Amino acid sequence: MEVNYLILVFTGLYLTATFLYYTYTQKKGTEFRYKPLTLLVVGVLFCLALYGTIVGKPYNEILRFIR
């Protein structure tokens, strides 16, 4: 259960910082440089950790290949 909270915090911080950087680049008129695959993977990890926190399942029950 603690792994869910840990992943939720770190992915949440990453997504928040990415959003703040996106708004900054839009305001300055510069190019937003982030790889979409990285954002997709972090977003999926965030959703899985959020699901595990709400349902109360450990992370290794959500993703069977993680031991």
PDB file of N, CA and C in Angstrom:
ATOM      1  N   MET A   1       0.826  -1.193   0.000  1.00  0.00           N
ATOM      2  CA  MET A   1       0.000   0.000   0.000  1.00  0.00           C
ATOM      3  C   MET A   1       0.873   1.261   0.000  1.00  0.00           C
ATOM      4  N   GLU A   2       2.010   1.201   0.678  1.00  0.00           N
ATOM      5  CA  GLU A   2       2.880   2.369   0.727  1.00  0.00           C
ATOM      6  C   GLU A   2       3.463   2.685  -0.645  1.00  0.00           C
ATOM      7  N   VAL A   3       3.643   1.643  -1.458  1.00  0.00           N
ATOM      8  CA  VAL A   3       4.176   1.856  -2.802  1.00  0.00           C
ATOM      9  C   VAL A   3       3.198   2.679  -3.624  1.00  0.00           C
ATOM     10  N   ASN A   4       1.904   2.451  -3.447  1.00  0.00           N
ATOM     11  CA  ASN A   4       0.904   3.239  -4.169  1.00  0.00           C
ATOM     12  C   ASN A   4       1.036   4.722  -3.845  1.00  0.00           C
ATOM     13  N   TYR A   5       1.181   5.026  -2.557  1.00  0.00           N
ATOM     14  CA  TYR A   5       1.308   6.423  -2.158  1.00  0.00           C
ATOM     15  C   TYR A   5       2.597   7.030  -2.685  1.00  0.00           C
ATOM     16  N   LEU A   6       3.675   6.267  -2.656  1.00  0.00           N
ATOM     17  CA  LEU A   6       4.959   6.758  -3.132  1.00  0.00           C
ATOM     18  C   LEU A   6       4.905   7.065  -4.634  1.00  0.00           C
ATOM     19  N   ILE A   7       4.366   6.147  -5.406  1.00  0.00           N
ATOM     20  CA  ILE A   7       4.250   6.361  -6.846  1.00  0.00           C
ATOM     21  C   ILE A   7       3.272   7.494  -7.143  1.00  0.00           C
ATOM     22  N   LEU A   8       2.198   7.567  -6.381  1.00  0.00           N
ATOM     23  CA  LEU A   8       1.213   8.634  -6.564  1.00  0.00           C
ATOM     24  C   LEU A   8       1.833  10.010  -6.317  1.00  0.00           C
ATOM     25  N   VAL A   9       2.645  10.118  -5.290  1.00  0.00           N
ATOM     26  CA  VAL A   9       3.275  11.407  -4.971  1.00  0.00           C
ATOM     27  C   VAL A   9       4.267  11.810  -6.053  1.00  0.00           C
ATOM     28  N   PHE A  10       5.149  10.907  -6.426  1.00  0.00           N
ATOM     29  CA  PHE A  10       6.181  11.271  -7.393  1.00  0.00           C
ATOM     30  C   PHE A  10       5.614  11.519  -8.794  1.00  0.00           C
ATOM     31  N   THR A  11       4.664  10.699  -9.229  1.00  0.00           N
ATOM     32  CA  THR A  11       4.074  10.953 -10.538  1.00  0.00           C
ATOM     33  C   THR A  11       3.212  12.215 -10.519  1.00  0.00           C
ATOM     34  N   GLY A  12       2.555  12.460  -9.400  1.00  0.00           N
ATOM     35  CA  GLY A  12       1.773  13.689  -9.273  1.00  0.00           C
ATOM     36  C   GLY A  12       2.652  14.928  -9.335  1.00  0.00           C
ATOM     37  N   LEU A  13       3.797  14.865  -8.671  1.00  0.00           N
ATOM     38  CA  LEU A  13       4.740  15.987  -8.735  1.00  0.00           C
ATOM     39  C   LEU A  13       5.261  16.189 -10.156  1.00  0.00           C
ATOM     40  N   TYR A  14       5.562  15.101 -10.835  1.00  0.00           N
ATOM     41  CA  TYR A  14       6.071  15.190 -12.211  1.00  0.00           C
ATOM     42  C   TYR A  14       5.013  15.785 -13.140  1.00  0.00           C
ATOM     43  N   LEU A  15       3.782  15.315 -13.023  1.00  0.00           N
ATOM     44  CA  LEU A  15       2.723  15.831 -13.888  1.00  0.00           C
ATOM     45  C   LEU A  15       2.392  17.289 -13.569  1.00  0.00           C
ATOM     46  N   THR A  16       2.451  17.658 -12.293  1.00  0.00           N
ATOM     47  CA  THR A  16       2.204  19.047 -11.911  1.00  0.00           C
ATOM     48  C   THR A  16       3.298  19.964 -12.451  1.00  0.00           C
ATOM     49  N   ALA A  17       4.545  19.540 -12.314  1.00  0.00           N
ATOM     50  CA  ALA A  17       5.656  20.341 -12.830  1.00  0.00           C
ATOM     51  C   ALA A  17       5.589  20.448 -14.349  1.00  0.00           C
ATOM     52  N   THR A  18       5.189  19.377 -15.012  1.00  0.00           N
ATOM     53  CA  THR A  18       5.053  19.406 -16.467  1.00  0.00           C
ATOM     54  C   THR A  18       3.960  20.380 -16.887  1.00  0.00           C
ATOM     55  N   PHE A  19       2.846  20.365 -16.172  1.00  0.00           N
ATOM     56  CA  PHE A  19       1.761  21.296 -16.490  1.00  0.00           C
ATOM     57  C   PHE A  19       2.186  22.742 -16.261  1.00  0.00           C
ATOM     58  N   LEU A  20       2.889  22.992 -15.157  1.00  0.00           N
ATOM     59  CA  LEU A  20       3.359  24.354 -14.897  1.00  0.00           C
ATOM     60  C   LEU A  20       4.358  24.808 -15.950  1.00  0.00           C
ATOM     61  N   TYR A  21       5.222  23.902 -16.396  1.00  0.00           N
ATOM     62  CA  TYR A  21       6.166  24.239 -17.461  1.00  0.00           C
ATOM     63  C   TYR A  21       5.427  24.500 -18.774  1.00  0.00           C
ATOM     64  N   TYR A  22       4.368  23.729 -19.034  1.00  0.00           N
ATOM     65  CA  TYR A  22       3.560  23.937 -20.241  1.00  0.00           C
ATOM     66  C   TYR A  22       2.915  25.317 -20.235  1.00  0.00           C
ATOM     67  N   THR A  23       2.345  25.713 -19.109  1.00  0.00           N
ATOM     68  CA  THR A  23       1.720  27.038 -19.041  1.00  0.00           C
ATOM     69  C   THR A  23       2.770  28.142 -19.163  1.00  0.00           C
ATOM     70  N   TYR A  24       3.954  27.900 -18.607  1.00  0.00           N
ATOM     71  CA  TYR A  24       5.044  28.867 -18.730  1.00  0.00           C
ATOM     72  C   TYR A  24       5.467  29.030 -20.186  1.00  0.00           C
ATOM     73  N   THR A  25       5.607  27.910 -20.907  1.00  0.00           N
ATOM     74  CA  THR A  25       6.013  27.998 -22.317  1.00  0.00           C
ATOM     75  C   THR A  25       4.927  28.653 -23.172  1.00  0.00           C
ATOM     76  N   GLN A  26       3.667  28.434 -22.827  1.00  0.00           N
ATOM     77  CA  GLN A  26       2.593  29.078 -23.576  1.00  0.00           C
ATOM     78  C   GLN A  26       2.602  30.584 -23.345  1.00  0.00           C
ATOM     79  N   LYS A  27       2.907  30.981 -22.120  1.00  0.00           N
ATOM     80  CA  LYS A  27       2.942  32.401 -21.809  1.00  0.00           C
ATOM     81  C   LYS A  27       4.123  33.088 -22.501  1.00  0.00           C
ATOM     82  N   LYS A  28       5.278  32.415 -22.506  1.00  0.00           N
ATOM     83  CA  LYS A  28       6.477  32.987 -23.123  1.00  0.00           C
ATOM     84  C   LYS A  28       6.490  32.838 -24.639  1.00  0.00           C
ATOM     85  N   GLY A  29       5.699  31.912 -25.172  1.00  0.00           N
ATOM     86  CA  GLY A  29       5.660  31.706 -26.608  1.00  0.00           C
ATOM     87  C   GLY A  29       6.781  30.819 -27.117  1.00  0.00           C
ATOM     88  N   THR A  30       7.378  30.018 -26.229  1.00  0.00           N
ATOM     89  CA  THR A  30       8.439  29.107 -26.645  1.00  0.00           C
ATOM     90  C   THR A  30       7.864  27.715 -26.875  1.00  0.00           C
ATOM     91  N   GLU A  31       8.724  26.832 -27.363  1.00  0.00           N
ATOM     92  CA  GLU A  31       8.289  25.481 -27.701  1.00  0.00           C
ATOM     93  C   GLU A  31       8.248  24.602 -26.444  1.00  0.00           C
ATOM     94  N   PHE A  32       7.207  23.800 -26.342  1.00  0.00           N
ATOM     95  CA  PHE A  32       7.059  22.849 -25.234  1.00  0.00           C
ATOM     96  C   PHE A  32       7.795  21.577 -25.598  1.00  0.00           C
ATOM     97  N   ARG A  33       8.853  21.239 -24.862  1.00  0.00           N
ATOM     98  CA  ARG A  33       9.707  20.100 -25.213  1.00  0.00           C
ATOM     99  C   ARG A  33       9.609  19.003 -24.174  1.00  0.00           C
ATOM    100  N   TYR A  34       8.675  18.137 -24.354  1.00  0.00           N
ATOM    101  CA  TYR A  34       8.556  16.920 -23.556  1.00  0.00           C
ATOM    102  C   TYR A  34       8.192  15.787 -24.491  1.00  0.00           C
ATOM    103  N   LYS A  35       8.692  14.604 -24.201  1.00  0.00           N
ATOM    104  CA  LYS A  35       8.384  13.455 -25.042  1.00  0.00           C
ATOM    105  C   LYS A  35       7.008  12.913 -24.678  1.00  0.00           C
ATOM    106  N   PRO A  36       6.137  12.744 -25.655  1.00  0.00           N
ATOM    107  CA  PRO A  36       4.775  12.290 -25.365  1.00  0.00           C
ATOM    108  C   PRO A  36       4.725  10.895 -24.750  1.00  0.00           C
ATOM    109  N   LEU A  37       5.646  10.021 -25.121  1.00  0.00           N
ATOM    110  CA  LEU A  37       5.646   8.670 -24.553  1.00  0.00           C
ATOM    111  C   LEU A  37       5.949   8.705 -23.060  1.00  0.00           C
ATOM    112  N   THR A  38       6.848   9.553 -22.648  1.00  0.00           N
ATOM    113  CA  THR A  38       7.166   9.696 -21.226  1.00  0.00           C
ATOM    114  C   THR A  38       5.954  10.188 -20.453  1.00  0.00           C
ATOM    115  N   LEU A  39       5.273  11.191 -20.992  1.00  0.00           N
ATOM    116  CA  LEU A  39       4.079  11.706 -20.326  1.00  0.00           C
ATOM    117  C   LEU A  39       2.978  10.654 -20.259  1.00  0.00           C
ATOM    118  N   LEU A  40       2.859   9.846 -21.306  1.00  0.00           N
ATOM    119  CA  LEU A  40       1.857   8.782 -21.324  1.00  0.00           C
ATOM    120  C   LEU A  40       2.155   7.729 -20.263  1.00  0.00           C
ATOM    121  N   VAL A  41       3.406   7.308 -20.162  1.00  0.00           N
ATOM    122  CA  VAL A  41       3.786   6.302 -19.169  1.00  0.00           C
ATOM    123  C   VAL A  41       3.585   6.828 -17.752  1.00  0.00           C
ATOM    124  N   VAL A  42       3.988   8.052 -17.505  1.00  0.00           N
ATOM    125  CA  VAL A  42       3.812   8.638 -16.171  1.00  0.00           C
ATOM    126  C   VAL A  42       2.329   8.807 -15.858  1.00  0.00           C
ATOM    127  N   GLY A  43       1.542   9.191 -16.839  1.00  0.00           N
ATOM    128  CA  GLY A  43       0.099   9.315 -16.634  1.00  0.00           C
ATOM    129  C   GLY A  43      -0.559   7.988 -16.319  1.00  0.00           C
ATOM    130  N   VAL A  44      -0.142   6.920 -17.003  1.00  0.00           N
ATOM    131  CA  VAL A  44      -0.694   5.583 -16.721  1.00  0.00           C
ATOM    132  C   VAL A  44      -0.287   5.124 -15.324  1.00  0.00           C
ATOM    133  N   LEU A  45       0.973   5.345 -14.942  1.00  0.00           N
ATOM    134  CA  LEU A  45       1.407   4.986 -13.587  1.00  0.00           C
ATOM    135  C   LEU A  45       0.629   5.759 -12.530  1.00  0.00           C
ATOM    136  N   PHE A  46       0.347   7.036 -12.808  1.00  0.00           N
ATOM    137  CA  PHE A  46      -0.438   7.847 -11.876  1.00  0.00           C
ATOM    138  C   PHE A  46      -1.849   7.283 -11.722  1.00  0.00           C
ATOM    139  N   CYS A  47      -2.463   6.924 -12.851  1.00  0.00           N
ATOM    140  CA  CYS A  47      -3.820   6.368 -12.800  1.00  0.00           C
ATOM    141  C   CYS A  47      -3.851   5.029 -12.073  1.00  0.00           C
ATOM    142  N   LEU A  48      -2.858   4.181 -12.298  1.00  0.00           N
ATOM    143  CA  LEU A  48      -2.802   2.890 -11.603  1.00  0.00           C
ATOM    144  C   LEU A  48      -2.597   3.070 -10.103  1.00  0.00           C
ATOM    145  N   ALA A  49      -1.735   3.996  -9.726  1.00  0.00           N
ATOM    146  CA  ALA A  49      -1.512   4.249  -8.302  1.00  0.00           C
ATOM    147  C   ALA A  49      -2.760   4.851  -7.653  1.00  0.00           C
ATOM    148  N   LEU A  50      -3.452   5.717  -8.374  1.00  0.00           N
ATOM    149  CA  LEU A  50      -4.691   6.296  -7.847  1.00  0.00           C
ATOM    150  C   LEU A  50      -5.765   5.227  -7.674  1.00  0.00           C
ATOM    151  N   TYR A  51      -5.871   4.336  -8.660  1.00  0.00           N
ATOM    152  CA  TYR A  51      -6.816   3.219  -8.566  1.00  0.00           C
ATOM    153  C   TYR A  51      -6.481   2.324  -7.363  1.00  0.00           C
ATOM    154  N   GLY A  52      -5.205   2.013  -7.191  1.00  0.00           N
ATOM    155  CA  GLY A  52      -4.795   1.175  -6.068  1.00  0.00           C
ATOM    156  C   GLY A  52      -5.061   1.838  -4.728  1.00  0.00           C
ATOM    157  N   THR A  53      -4.924   3.131  -4.668  1.00  0.00           N
ATOM    158  CA  THR A  53      -5.193   3.850  -3.430  1.00  0.00           C
ATOM    159  C   THR A  53      -6.684   3.863  -3.113  1.00  0.00           C
ATOM    160  N   ILE A  54      -7.508   4.088  -4.120  1.00  0.00           N
ATOM    161  CA  ILE A  54      -8.957   4.137  -3.907  1.00  0.00           C
ATOM    162  C   ILE A  54      -9.509   2.761  -3.537  1.00  0.00           C
ATOM    163  N   VAL A  55      -9.101   1.735  -4.285  1.00  0.00           N
ATOM    164  CA  VAL A  55      -9.629   0.391  -4.067  1.00  0.00           C
ATOM    165  C   VAL A  55      -8.985  -0.276  -2.856  1.00  0.00           C
ATOM    166  N   GLY A  56      -7.738   0.089  -2.557  1.00  0.00           N
ATOM    167  CA  GLY A  56      -7.039  -0.493  -1.424  1.00  0.00           C
ATOM    168  C   GLY A  56      -6.230  -1.728  -1.771  1.00  0.00           C
ATOM    169  N   LYS A  57      -5.879  -1.860  -3.041  1.00  0.00           N
ATOM    170  CA  LYS A  57      -5.078  -3.000  -3.474  1.00  0.00           C
ATOM    171  C   LYS A  57      -3.607  -2.611  -3.510  1.00  0.00           C
ATOM    172  N   PRO A  58      -2.732  -3.535  -3.131  1.00  0.00           N
ATOM    173  CA  PRO A  58      -1.298  -3.261  -3.284  1.00  0.00           C
ATOM    174  C   PRO A  58      -0.913  -3.192  -4.757  1.00  0.00           C
ATOM    175  N   TYR A  59       0.211  -2.574  -5.016  1.00  0.00           N
ATOM    176  CA  TYR A  59       0.628  -2.346  -6.391  1.00  0.00           C
ATOM    177  C   TYR A  59       0.913  -3.652  -7.121  1.00  0.00           C
ATOM    178  N   ASN A  60       1.425  -4.660  -6.399  1.00  0.00           N
ATOM    179  CA  ASN A  60       1.741  -5.923  -7.069  1.00  0.00           C
ATOM    180  C   ASN A  60       0.493  -6.739  -7.397  1.00  0.00           C
ATOM    181  N   GLU A  61      -0.656  -6.418  -6.838  1.00  0.00           N
ATOM    182  CA  GLU A  61      -1.896  -7.074  -7.234  1.00  0.00           C
ATOM    183  C   GLU A  61      -2.499  -6.412  -8.469  1.00  0.00           C
ATOM    184  N   ILE A  62      -2.227  -5.152  -8.658  1.00  0.00           N
ATOM    185  CA  ILE A  62      -2.720  -4.456  -9.832  1.00  0.00           C
ATOM    186  C   ILE A  62      -1.918  -4.878 -11.063  1.00  0.00           C
ATOM    187  N   LEU A  63      -0.609  -4.862 -10.929  1.00  0.00           N
ATOM    188  CA  LEU A  63       0.284  -5.303 -12.003  1.00  0.00           C
ATOM    189  C   LEU A  63       0.954  -6.592 -11.535  1.00  0.00           C
ATOM    190  N   ARG A  64       0.528  -7.697 -12.082  1.00  0.00           N
ATOM    191  CA  ARG A  64       0.977  -9.018 -11.625  1.00  0.00           C
ATOM    192  C   ARG A  64       2.464  -9.267 -11.846  1.00  0.00           C
ATOM    193  N   PHE A  65       3.059  -8.637 -12.876  1.00  0.00           N
ATOM    194  CA  PHE A  65       4.455  -8.934 -13.180  1.00  0.00           C
ATOM    195  C   PHE A  65       5.425  -8.237 -12.219  1.00  0.00           C
ATOM    196  N   ILE A  66       4.945  -7.347 -11.355  1.00  0.00           N
ATOM    197  CA  ILE A  66       5.794  -6.703 -10.350  1.00  0.00           C
ATOM    198  C   ILE A  66       5.721  -7.536  -9.071  1.00  0.00           C
ATOM    199  N   ARG A  67       6.854  -7.964  -8.600  1.00  0.00           N
ATOM    200  CA  ARG A  67       6.891  -8.803  -7.387  1.00  0.00           C
ATOM    201  C   ARG A  67       7.335  -8.025  -6.196  1.00  0.00           C
TER     202      ARG A  67
END
